């Protein structure tokens, strides 16, 4: 609340006010000033990559629990990686139900992807296997994909994981 609305508050000297139902007034103030809906704050669980990714790639050369040091971000950990000319670092992500917060998450991931591609010392690419809330619009999903693509990362929505698994099966090598 303070970070969003703190600069918009104007404090005035206290005045006497007649209130007929104090509890109702306080509840109304709380709802207007503090409360936010649970739907907006709900976080979607990231996909379980062991079930949707690794279980279908038995025999494919996957690396597990890969750690990369990136200047400015420290050590980043990725549950899976594979090589196809690049080191593809696969990470699951559950995007928030609120479109604004989903875009903020995408921007954070874009920075990671960009820095991984430029600063990791090895040609690498961030692959984000994403689970979205049904309330996130197709336009927002497209914008998230665009942002990631423009910053050397890739979005793989959970709904397209089958095609992605086939791509990894064809392209992954040691």
N, C-alpha and C. Protein backbone atom coordinates (compact mmCIF):
# COMPACT_ATOMS: atom_id res chain seq x y z
N UNK A 1 0.83 -1.19 0.00
CA UNK A 1 0.00 0.00 0.00
C UNK A 1 0.88 1.26 0.00
N UNK A 2 1.86 1.27 0.89
CA UNK A 2 2.67 2.48 1.02
C UNK A 2 3.43 2.77 -0.25
N UNK A 3 3.96 1.74 -0.92
CA UNK A 3 4.74 1.98 -2.13
C UNK A 3 3.87 2.47 -3.28
N UNK A 4 2.59 2.09 -3.29
CA UNK A 4 1.72 2.50 -4.38
C UNK A 4 0.98 3.79 -4.10
N UNK A 5 0.52 3.98 -2.87
CA UNK A 5 -0.35 5.10 -2.56
C UNK A 5 0.25 6.10 -1.58
N UNK A 6 1.40 5.80 -1.03
CA UNK A 6 1.98 6.64 0.02
C UNK A 6 2.21 8.08 -0.40
N UNK A 7 2.58 8.30 -1.64
CA UNK A 7 2.85 9.66 -2.10
C UNK A 7 1.58 10.44 -2.40
N UNK A 8 0.43 9.78 -2.37
CA UNK A 8 -0.82 10.43 -2.69
C UNK A 8 -1.61 10.83 -1.44
N UNK A 9 -1.08 10.55 -0.28
CA UNK A 9 -1.78 10.88 0.96
C UNK A 9 -1.53 12.33 1.34
N UNK A 10 -2.57 12.97 1.79
CA UNK A 10 -2.46 14.34 2.26
C UNK A 10 -2.99 14.35 3.69
N UNK A 11 -2.13 14.63 4.64
CA UNK A 11 -2.52 14.63 6.04
C UNK A 11 -3.05 16.01 6.41
N UNK A 12 -4.19 16.01 7.07
CA UNK A 12 -4.81 17.26 7.52
C UNK A 12 -4.96 17.20 9.03
N UNK A 13 -5.16 18.34 9.66
CA UNK A 13 -5.36 18.33 11.11
C UNK A 13 -6.63 17.54 11.46
N UNK A 14 -6.63 16.84 12.58
CA UNK A 14 -7.81 16.06 12.97
C UNK A 14 -9.03 16.96 13.16
N UNK A 15 -10.20 16.44 12.78
CA UNK A 15 -11.46 17.16 12.94
C UNK A 15 -12.48 16.22 13.58
N UNK A 16 -13.43 16.79 14.25
CA UNK A 16 -14.50 16.01 14.85
C UNK A 16 -15.52 15.68 13.77
N UNK A 17 -15.89 14.39 13.73
CA UNK A 17 -16.85 13.93 12.73
C UNK A 17 -17.86 13.04 13.43
N UNK A 18 -19.13 13.20 13.10
CA UNK A 18 -20.19 12.36 13.66
C UNK A 18 -20.33 11.12 12.77
N UNK A 19 -20.18 9.94 13.39
CA UNK A 19 -20.27 8.68 12.67
C UNK A 19 -21.38 7.86 13.31
N UNK A 20 -22.33 7.41 12.49
CA UNK A 20 -23.44 6.64 13.02
C UNK A 20 -23.07 5.18 13.25
N UNK A 21 -22.35 4.57 12.32
CA UNK A 21 -21.97 3.16 12.45
C UNK A 21 -20.46 3.06 12.24
N UNK A 22 -19.71 3.16 13.32
CA UNK A 22 -18.25 3.19 13.24
C UNK A 22 -17.68 1.92 12.62
N UNK A 23 -18.22 0.75 12.97
CA UNK A 23 -17.70 -0.51 12.42
C UNK A 23 -17.86 -0.55 10.91
N UNK A 24 -19.00 -0.12 10.41
CA UNK A 24 -19.23 -0.11 8.97
C UNK A 24 -18.28 0.87 8.28
N UNK A 25 -18.05 2.01 8.90
CA UNK A 25 -17.12 3.01 8.34
C UNK A 25 -15.70 2.46 8.27
N UNK A 26 -15.24 1.83 9.36
CA UNK A 26 -13.90 1.26 9.36
C UNK A 26 -13.77 0.13 8.33
N UNK A 27 -14.80 -0.70 8.22
CA UNK A 27 -14.78 -1.78 7.23
C UNK A 27 -14.69 -1.19 5.82
N UNK A 28 -15.43 -0.14 5.57
CA UNK A 28 -15.39 0.52 4.27
C UNK A 28 -14.01 1.11 3.99
N UNK A 29 -13.43 1.79 4.97
CA UNK A 29 -12.08 2.34 4.80
C UNK A 29 -11.06 1.23 4.55
N UNK A 30 -11.16 0.16 5.30
CA UNK A 30 -10.23 -0.96 5.11
C UNK A 30 -10.34 -1.51 3.69
N UNK A 31 -11.56 -1.72 3.23
CA UNK A 31 -11.77 -2.26 1.89
C UNK A 31 -11.22 -1.32 0.83
N UNK A 32 -11.47 -0.04 0.97
CA UNK A 32 -11.02 0.92 -0.02
C UNK A 32 -9.52 1.16 0.01
N UNK A 33 -8.90 1.13 1.20
CA UNK A 33 -7.51 1.53 1.31
C UNK A 33 -6.51 0.38 1.41
N UNK A 34 -6.92 -0.73 1.97
CA UNK A 34 -5.96 -1.78 2.27
C UNK A 34 -6.25 -3.09 1.55
N UNK A 35 -7.50 -3.47 1.56
CA UNK A 35 -7.87 -4.79 1.07
C UNK A 35 -7.68 -4.91 -0.43
N UNK A 36 -7.24 -6.07 -0.88
CA UNK A 36 -7.19 -6.39 -2.30
C UNK A 36 -7.74 -7.79 -2.46
N UNK A 37 -8.27 -8.09 -3.60
CA UNK A 37 -8.94 -9.38 -3.79
C UNK A 37 -7.92 -10.51 -3.82
N UNK A 38 -8.32 -11.64 -3.33
CA UNK A 38 -7.44 -12.81 -3.31
C UNK A 38 -7.12 -13.26 -4.72
N UNK A 39 -8.04 -13.11 -5.67
CA UNK A 39 -7.80 -13.52 -7.05
C UNK A 39 -6.62 -12.77 -7.64
N UNK A 40 -6.56 -11.47 -7.36
CA UNK A 40 -5.48 -10.66 -7.91
C UNK A 40 -4.13 -11.06 -7.35
N UNK A 41 -4.09 -11.50 -6.13
CA UNK A 41 -2.84 -11.83 -5.47
C UNK A 41 -2.50 -13.31 -5.61
N UNK A 42 -3.41 -14.09 -6.18
CA UNK A 42 -3.18 -15.53 -6.27
C UNK A 42 -2.01 -15.85 -7.18
N UNK A 43 -1.17 -16.73 -6.74
CA UNK A 43 -0.01 -17.15 -7.53
C UNK A 43 -0.28 -18.53 -8.09
N UNK A 44 0.01 -18.71 -9.33
CA UNK A 44 -0.17 -19.99 -10.00
C UNK A 44 1.10 -20.82 -9.77
N UNK A 45 0.92 -22.08 -9.44
CA UNK A 45 2.07 -22.95 -9.20
C UNK A 45 2.86 -23.16 -10.48
N UNK A 46 4.19 -23.19 -10.36
CA UNK A 46 4.98 -23.51 -11.55
C UNK A 46 4.75 -24.97 -11.94
N UNK A 47 4.92 -25.29 -13.21
CA UNK A 47 4.73 -26.68 -13.62
C UNK A 47 5.77 -27.59 -12.98
N UNK A 48 5.39 -28.82 -12.73
CA UNK A 48 6.32 -29.82 -12.23
C UNK A 48 7.07 -30.38 -13.42
N UNK A 49 8.30 -29.91 -13.62
CA UNK A 49 9.06 -30.31 -14.81
C UNK A 49 9.39 -31.79 -14.83
N UNK A 50 9.50 -32.40 -13.68
CA UNK A 50 9.79 -33.83 -13.66
C UNK A 50 8.66 -34.61 -14.34
N UNK A 51 7.42 -34.18 -14.09
CA UNK A 51 6.27 -34.86 -14.70
C UNK A 51 6.10 -34.50 -16.17
N UNK A 52 6.15 -33.22 -16.50
CA UNK A 52 5.78 -32.79 -17.84
C UNK A 52 6.95 -32.70 -18.81
N UNK A 53 8.15 -32.80 -18.32
CA UNK A 53 9.31 -32.61 -19.18
C UNK A 53 10.24 -33.82 -19.11
N UNK A 54 10.86 -34.01 -17.98
CA UNK A 54 11.89 -35.04 -17.85
C UNK A 54 11.34 -36.45 -18.01
N UNK A 55 10.13 -36.70 -17.53
CA UNK A 55 9.57 -38.06 -17.62
C UNK A 55 9.41 -38.50 -19.06
N UNK A 56 9.25 -37.56 -19.98
CA UNK A 56 9.07 -37.89 -21.39
C UNK A 56 10.37 -37.87 -22.18
N UNK A 57 11.47 -37.58 -21.52
CA UNK A 57 12.76 -37.47 -22.21
C UNK A 57 13.79 -38.46 -21.69
N UNK A 58 13.36 -39.63 -21.30
CA UNK A 58 14.28 -40.65 -20.81
C UNK A 58 15.20 -41.04 -21.97
N UNK A 59 16.49 -41.04 -21.70
CA UNK A 59 17.49 -41.35 -22.72
C UNK A 59 18.02 -40.13 -23.44
N UNK A 60 17.39 -38.99 -23.27
CA UNK A 60 17.86 -37.74 -23.88
C UNK A 60 18.87 -37.12 -22.93
N UNK A 61 20.00 -36.63 -23.44
CA UNK A 61 21.04 -36.09 -22.55
C UNK A 61 20.63 -34.76 -21.89
N UNK A 62 19.98 -34.87 -20.74
CA UNK A 62 19.61 -33.71 -19.94
C UNK A 62 20.58 -33.56 -18.78
N UNK A 63 20.92 -32.34 -18.45
CA UNK A 63 21.68 -32.07 -17.25
C UNK A 63 20.69 -31.62 -16.18
N UNK A 64 20.92 -32.03 -14.95
CA UNK A 64 20.00 -31.66 -13.87
C UNK A 64 20.70 -30.75 -12.87
N UNK A 65 19.92 -29.90 -12.25
CA UNK A 65 20.38 -28.98 -11.19
C UNK A 65 21.61 -28.19 -11.62
N UNK A 66 21.47 -27.45 -12.68
CA UNK A 66 22.56 -26.65 -13.23
C UNK A 66 22.56 -25.30 -12.53
N UNK A 67 23.74 -24.85 -12.14
CA UNK A 67 23.89 -23.55 -11.50
C UNK A 67 24.78 -22.68 -12.38
N UNK A 68 24.35 -21.44 -12.60
CA UNK A 68 25.13 -20.50 -13.40
C UNK A 68 25.32 -19.22 -12.59
N UNK A 69 26.53 -18.70 -12.60
CA UNK A 69 26.77 -17.43 -11.94
C UNK A 69 26.64 -16.32 -12.99
N UNK A 70 25.82 -15.32 -12.68
CA UNK A 70 25.61 -14.19 -13.57
C UNK A 70 25.89 -12.92 -12.78
N UNK A 71 26.78 -12.12 -13.31
CA UNK A 71 27.13 -10.87 -12.65
C UNK A 71 25.88 -10.03 -12.43
N UNK A 72 25.71 -9.56 -11.22
CA UNK A 72 24.57 -8.74 -10.87
C UNK A 72 23.39 -9.54 -10.36
N UNK A 73 23.32 -10.82 -10.69
CA UNK A 73 22.21 -11.66 -10.24
C UNK A 73 22.66 -12.78 -9.30
N UNK A 74 23.96 -13.04 -9.27
CA UNK A 74 24.47 -14.10 -8.41
C UNK A 74 24.30 -15.46 -9.06
N UNK A 75 24.16 -16.50 -8.23
CA UNK A 75 24.00 -17.86 -8.74
C UNK A 75 22.53 -18.13 -9.03
N UNK A 76 22.26 -18.52 -10.25
CA UNK A 76 20.92 -18.90 -10.66
C UNK A 76 20.90 -20.42 -10.82
N UNK A 77 19.84 -21.04 -10.36
CA UNK A 77 19.72 -22.49 -10.43
C UNK A 77 18.61 -22.88 -11.38
N UNK A 78 18.88 -23.91 -12.18
CA UNK A 78 17.92 -24.39 -13.17
C UNK A 78 17.77 -25.90 -13.01
N UNK A 79 16.54 -26.38 -12.93
CA UNK A 79 16.35 -27.82 -12.72
C UNK A 79 16.85 -28.67 -13.88
N UNK A 80 16.78 -28.15 -15.12
CA UNK A 80 17.21 -28.92 -16.29
C UNK A 80 17.93 -28.03 -17.28
N UNK A 81 18.81 -28.68 -18.04
CA UNK A 81 19.49 -28.01 -19.15
C UNK A 81 19.79 -29.06 -20.21
N UNK A 82 19.89 -28.61 -21.43
CA UNK A 82 20.31 -29.49 -22.52
C UNK A 82 21.05 -28.65 -23.55
N UNK A 83 21.80 -29.32 -24.40
CA UNK A 83 22.60 -28.62 -25.40
C UNK A 83 22.09 -28.94 -26.80
N UNK A 84 22.05 -27.91 -27.64
CA UNK A 84 21.75 -28.06 -29.07
C UNK A 84 22.49 -26.97 -29.84
N UNK A 85 23.73 -26.78 -29.49
CA UNK A 85 24.53 -25.66 -29.99
C UNK A 85 24.61 -24.56 -28.95
N UNK A 86 23.58 -24.43 -28.14
CA UNK A 86 23.51 -23.52 -26.99
C UNK A 86 23.27 -24.37 -25.76
N UNK A 87 23.56 -23.80 -24.61
CA UNK A 87 23.14 -24.42 -23.36
C UNK A 87 21.77 -23.85 -23.04
N UNK A 88 20.74 -24.68 -23.17
CA UNK A 88 19.37 -24.26 -22.90
C UNK A 88 19.06 -24.54 -21.44
N UNK A 89 18.80 -23.49 -20.69
CA UNK A 89 18.53 -23.59 -19.26
C UNK A 89 17.03 -23.53 -19.04
N UNK A 90 16.45 -24.65 -18.61
CA UNK A 90 15.00 -24.78 -18.50
C UNK A 90 14.57 -24.53 -17.07
N UNK A 91 13.60 -23.63 -16.92
CA UNK A 91 13.09 -23.32 -15.59
C UNK A 91 11.56 -23.23 -15.63
N UNK A 92 10.89 -23.72 -14.59
CA UNK A 92 9.43 -23.59 -14.53
C UNK A 92 9.04 -22.26 -13.90
N UNK A 93 7.90 -21.74 -14.32
CA UNK A 93 7.41 -20.49 -13.72
C UNK A 93 5.89 -20.49 -13.73
N UNK A 94 5.32 -20.12 -12.61
CA UNK A 94 3.88 -19.90 -12.51
C UNK A 94 3.65 -18.40 -12.51
N UNK A 95 2.94 -17.90 -13.51
CA UNK A 95 2.72 -16.47 -13.61
C UNK A 95 1.51 -16.06 -12.78
N UNK A 96 1.60 -14.91 -12.11
CA UNK A 96 0.47 -14.43 -11.29
C UNK A 96 -0.79 -14.25 -12.14
N UNK A 97 -1.93 -14.34 -11.48
CA UNK A 97 -3.22 -14.19 -12.16
C UNK A 97 -3.43 -12.74 -12.63
N UNK A 98 -2.88 -11.78 -11.92
CA UNK A 98 -3.00 -10.38 -12.28
C UNK A 98 -2.08 -10.08 -13.46
N UNK A 99 -2.62 -9.53 -14.54
CA UNK A 99 -1.83 -9.29 -15.76
C UNK A 99 -0.65 -8.36 -15.52
N UNK A 100 -0.86 -7.32 -14.71
CA UNK A 100 0.24 -6.39 -14.43
C UNK A 100 1.39 -7.11 -13.74
N UNK A 101 1.07 -7.91 -12.74
CA UNK A 101 2.12 -8.65 -12.02
C UNK A 101 2.75 -9.71 -12.91
N UNK A 102 1.97 -10.31 -13.80
CA UNK A 102 2.53 -11.29 -14.74
C UNK A 102 3.55 -10.61 -15.66
N UNK A 103 3.24 -9.39 -16.10
CA UNK A 103 4.19 -8.66 -16.96
C UNK A 103 5.45 -8.29 -16.18
N UNK A 104 5.30 -7.92 -14.91
CA UNK A 104 6.48 -7.62 -14.09
C UNK A 104 7.37 -8.85 -13.96
N UNK A 105 6.76 -10.02 -13.76
CA UNK A 105 7.52 -11.27 -13.68
C UNK A 105 8.24 -11.54 -14.99
N UNK A 106 7.55 -11.28 -16.11
CA UNK A 106 8.17 -11.48 -17.42
C UNK A 106 9.38 -10.58 -17.61
N UNK A 107 9.28 -9.35 -17.14
CA UNK A 107 10.41 -8.43 -17.26
C UNK A 107 11.61 -8.92 -16.45
N UNK A 108 11.36 -9.43 -15.25
CA UNK A 108 12.44 -9.99 -14.44
C UNK A 108 13.11 -11.16 -15.15
N UNK A 109 12.30 -12.04 -15.73
CA UNK A 109 12.84 -13.18 -16.46
C UNK A 109 13.58 -12.74 -17.71
N UNK A 110 13.11 -11.68 -18.36
CA UNK A 110 13.79 -11.16 -19.54
C UNK A 110 15.19 -10.66 -19.20
N UNK A 111 15.32 -10.01 -18.06
CA UNK A 111 16.64 -9.55 -17.61
C UNK A 111 17.55 -10.75 -17.38
N UNK A 112 17.02 -11.78 -16.72
CA UNK A 112 17.82 -13.00 -16.51
C UNK A 112 18.25 -13.59 -17.84
N UNK A 113 17.32 -13.72 -18.78
CA UNK A 113 17.65 -14.29 -20.08
C UNK A 113 18.70 -13.49 -20.81
N UNK A 114 18.54 -12.18 -20.78
CA UNK A 114 19.49 -11.30 -21.46
C UNK A 114 20.89 -11.43 -20.85
N UNK A 115 20.96 -11.39 -19.53
CA UNK A 115 22.27 -11.48 -18.89
C UNK A 115 22.88 -12.87 -19.03
N UNK A 116 22.06 -13.91 -19.00
CA UNK A 116 22.58 -15.26 -19.23
C UNK A 116 23.19 -15.37 -20.62
N UNK A 117 22.53 -14.82 -21.61
CA UNK A 117 23.04 -14.89 -22.98
C UNK A 117 24.32 -14.09 -23.17
N UNK A 118 24.45 -12.99 -22.44
CA UNK A 118 25.59 -12.09 -22.65
C UNK A 118 26.74 -12.30 -21.67
N UNK A 119 26.44 -12.67 -20.44
CA UNK A 119 27.44 -12.62 -19.39
C UNK A 119 27.85 -13.98 -18.80
N UNK A 120 27.22 -15.06 -19.21
CA UNK A 120 27.45 -16.32 -18.51
C UNK A 120 28.76 -17.00 -18.90
N UNK A 121 29.42 -16.55 -19.95
CA UNK A 121 30.67 -17.17 -20.36
C UNK A 121 30.46 -18.33 -21.33
N UNK A 122 29.26 -18.81 -21.46
CA UNK A 122 28.92 -19.88 -22.38
C UNK A 122 27.64 -19.46 -23.09
N UNK A 123 27.57 -19.69 -24.40
CA UNK A 123 26.34 -19.33 -25.11
C UNK A 123 25.18 -20.10 -24.51
N UNK A 124 24.25 -19.37 -23.95
CA UNK A 124 23.12 -20.02 -23.28
C UNK A 124 21.83 -19.27 -23.54
N UNK A 125 20.74 -19.98 -23.30
CA UNK A 125 19.41 -19.41 -23.51
C UNK A 125 18.51 -19.88 -22.39
N UNK A 126 17.72 -18.95 -21.85
CA UNK A 126 16.75 -19.25 -20.82
C UNK A 126 15.45 -19.72 -21.48
N UNK A 127 14.97 -20.89 -21.04
CA UNK A 127 13.70 -21.44 -21.51
C UNK A 127 12.75 -21.44 -20.32
N UNK A 128 11.65 -20.72 -20.43
CA UNK A 128 10.68 -20.60 -19.34
C UNK A 128 9.46 -21.46 -19.68
N UNK A 129 9.29 -22.56 -18.95
CA UNK A 129 8.09 -23.38 -19.10
C UNK A 129 7.06 -22.79 -18.15
N UNK A 130 5.98 -22.23 -18.72
CA UNK A 130 5.09 -21.38 -17.94
C UNK A 130 3.70 -21.97 -17.77
N UNK A 131 3.20 -21.78 -16.57
CA UNK A 131 1.82 -22.10 -16.24
C UNK A 131 1.12 -20.76 -16.02
N UNK A 132 0.00 -20.55 -16.72
CA UNK A 132 -0.75 -19.30 -16.62
C UNK A 132 -2.11 -19.55 -15.99
N UNK A 133 -2.59 -18.55 -15.29
CA UNK A 133 -3.97 -18.56 -14.82
C UNK A 133 -4.87 -18.34 -16.03
N UNK A 134 -6.07 -18.89 -15.98
CA UNK A 134 -7.02 -18.69 -17.07
C UNK A 134 -7.42 -17.22 -17.20
N UNK A 135 -7.20 -16.43 -16.16
CA UNK A 135 -7.57 -15.01 -16.22
C UNK A 135 -6.54 -14.15 -16.95
N UNK A 136 -5.37 -14.71 -17.26
CA UNK A 136 -4.37 -13.96 -18.02
C UNK A 136 -4.74 -14.06 -19.50
N UNK A 137 -4.96 -12.92 -20.13
CA UNK A 137 -5.45 -12.89 -21.51
C UNK A 137 -4.40 -13.40 -22.49
N UNK A 138 -4.89 -13.77 -23.67
CA UNK A 138 -4.00 -14.22 -24.75
C UNK A 138 -3.08 -13.07 -25.18
N UNK A 139 -3.57 -11.86 -25.13
CA UNK A 139 -2.75 -10.69 -25.48
C UNK A 139 -1.58 -10.58 -24.50
N UNK A 140 -1.85 -10.70 -23.21
CA UNK A 140 -0.79 -10.62 -22.21
C UNK A 140 0.19 -11.77 -22.39
N UNK A 141 -0.30 -12.96 -22.64
CA UNK A 141 0.59 -14.11 -22.88
C UNK A 141 1.49 -13.86 -24.09
N UNK A 142 0.90 -13.28 -25.14
CA UNK A 142 1.70 -12.94 -26.32
C UNK A 142 2.74 -11.89 -26.02
N UNK A 143 2.37 -10.89 -25.22
CA UNK A 143 3.32 -9.85 -24.83
C UNK A 143 4.47 -10.43 -24.00
N UNK A 144 4.14 -11.36 -23.12
CA UNK A 144 5.18 -12.01 -22.30
C UNK A 144 6.13 -12.78 -23.20
N UNK A 145 5.59 -13.52 -24.15
CA UNK A 145 6.44 -14.25 -25.10
C UNK A 145 7.34 -13.32 -25.89
N UNK A 146 6.79 -12.19 -26.32
CA UNK A 146 7.55 -11.21 -27.08
C UNK A 146 8.69 -10.63 -26.24
N UNK A 147 8.38 -10.23 -25.02
CA UNK A 147 9.40 -9.65 -24.14
C UNK A 147 10.55 -10.64 -23.93
N UNK A 148 10.21 -11.89 -23.66
CA UNK A 148 11.25 -12.89 -23.44
C UNK A 148 12.06 -13.12 -24.71
N UNK A 149 11.39 -13.24 -25.84
CA UNK A 149 12.09 -13.47 -27.10
C UNK A 149 13.06 -12.35 -27.43
N UNK A 150 12.65 -11.12 -27.19
CA UNK A 150 13.51 -9.98 -27.49
C UNK A 150 14.71 -9.88 -26.55
N UNK A 151 14.70 -10.65 -25.48
CA UNK A 151 15.80 -10.61 -24.51
C UNK A 151 16.45 -11.98 -24.36
N UNK A 152 16.56 -12.68 -25.50
CA UNK A 152 17.32 -13.94 -25.57
C UNK A 152 16.77 -15.03 -24.67
N UNK A 153 15.46 -15.06 -24.48
CA UNK A 153 14.83 -16.12 -23.70
C UNK A 153 13.64 -16.63 -24.52
N UNK A 154 13.06 -17.71 -24.05
CA UNK A 154 11.95 -18.32 -24.78
C UNK A 154 10.85 -18.73 -23.81
N UNK A 155 9.62 -18.49 -24.20
CA UNK A 155 8.46 -18.89 -23.43
C UNK A 155 7.88 -20.17 -24.03
N UNK A 156 7.68 -21.17 -23.17
CA UNK A 156 7.01 -22.40 -23.57
C UNK A 156 5.79 -22.55 -22.66
N UNK A 157 4.60 -22.17 -23.14
CA UNK A 157 3.41 -22.35 -22.31
C UNK A 157 3.18 -23.83 -22.04
N UNK A 158 2.68 -24.14 -20.88
CA UNK A 158 2.43 -25.52 -20.50
C UNK A 158 1.52 -26.21 -21.51
N UNK A 159 0.64 -25.45 -22.14
CA UNK A 159 -0.28 -26.03 -23.12
C UNK A 159 0.43 -26.55 -24.36
N UNK A 160 1.68 -26.13 -24.61
CA UNK A 160 2.42 -26.58 -25.79
C UNK A 160 3.61 -27.46 -25.41
N UNK A 161 3.60 -28.01 -24.21
CA UNK A 161 4.76 -28.77 -23.74
C UNK A 161 5.03 -30.01 -24.59
N UNK A 162 4.00 -30.63 -25.14
CA UNK A 162 4.20 -31.83 -25.96
C UNK A 162 5.08 -31.55 -27.17
N UNK A 163 4.80 -30.48 -27.88
CA UNK A 163 5.61 -30.11 -29.05
C UNK A 163 7.03 -29.75 -28.63
N UNK A 164 7.15 -29.09 -27.49
CA UNK A 164 8.49 -28.72 -27.02
C UNK A 164 9.30 -29.96 -26.64
N UNK A 165 8.67 -30.93 -26.00
CA UNK A 165 9.36 -32.17 -25.63
C UNK A 165 9.87 -32.87 -26.90
N UNK A 166 9.07 -32.90 -27.94
CA UNK A 166 9.51 -33.51 -29.20
C UNK A 166 10.69 -32.75 -29.80
N UNK A 167 10.66 -31.43 -29.72
CA UNK A 167 11.78 -30.61 -30.20
C UNK A 167 13.06 -30.94 -29.44
N UNK A 168 12.96 -31.04 -28.13
CA UNK A 168 14.15 -31.37 -27.32
C UNK A 168 14.65 -32.77 -27.68
N UNK A 169 13.74 -33.70 -27.85
CA UNK A 169 14.13 -35.08 -28.20
C UNK A 169 14.91 -35.09 -29.52
N UNK A 170 14.50 -34.27 -30.50
CA UNK A 170 15.18 -34.22 -31.79
C UNK A 170 16.53 -33.51 -31.72
N UNK A 171 16.61 -32.43 -30.93
CA UNK A 171 17.77 -31.54 -31.00
C UNK A 171 18.83 -31.72 -29.93
N UNK A 172 18.49 -32.28 -28.80
CA UNK A 172 19.44 -32.34 -27.68
C UNK A 172 20.58 -33.31 -28.00
N UNK A 173 21.78 -32.88 -27.66
CA UNK A 173 22.96 -33.73 -27.83
C UNK A 173 23.97 -33.40 -26.74
N UNK A 174 24.99 -34.17 -26.64
CA UNK A 174 26.03 -33.95 -25.62
C UNK A 174 26.98 -32.87 -26.02
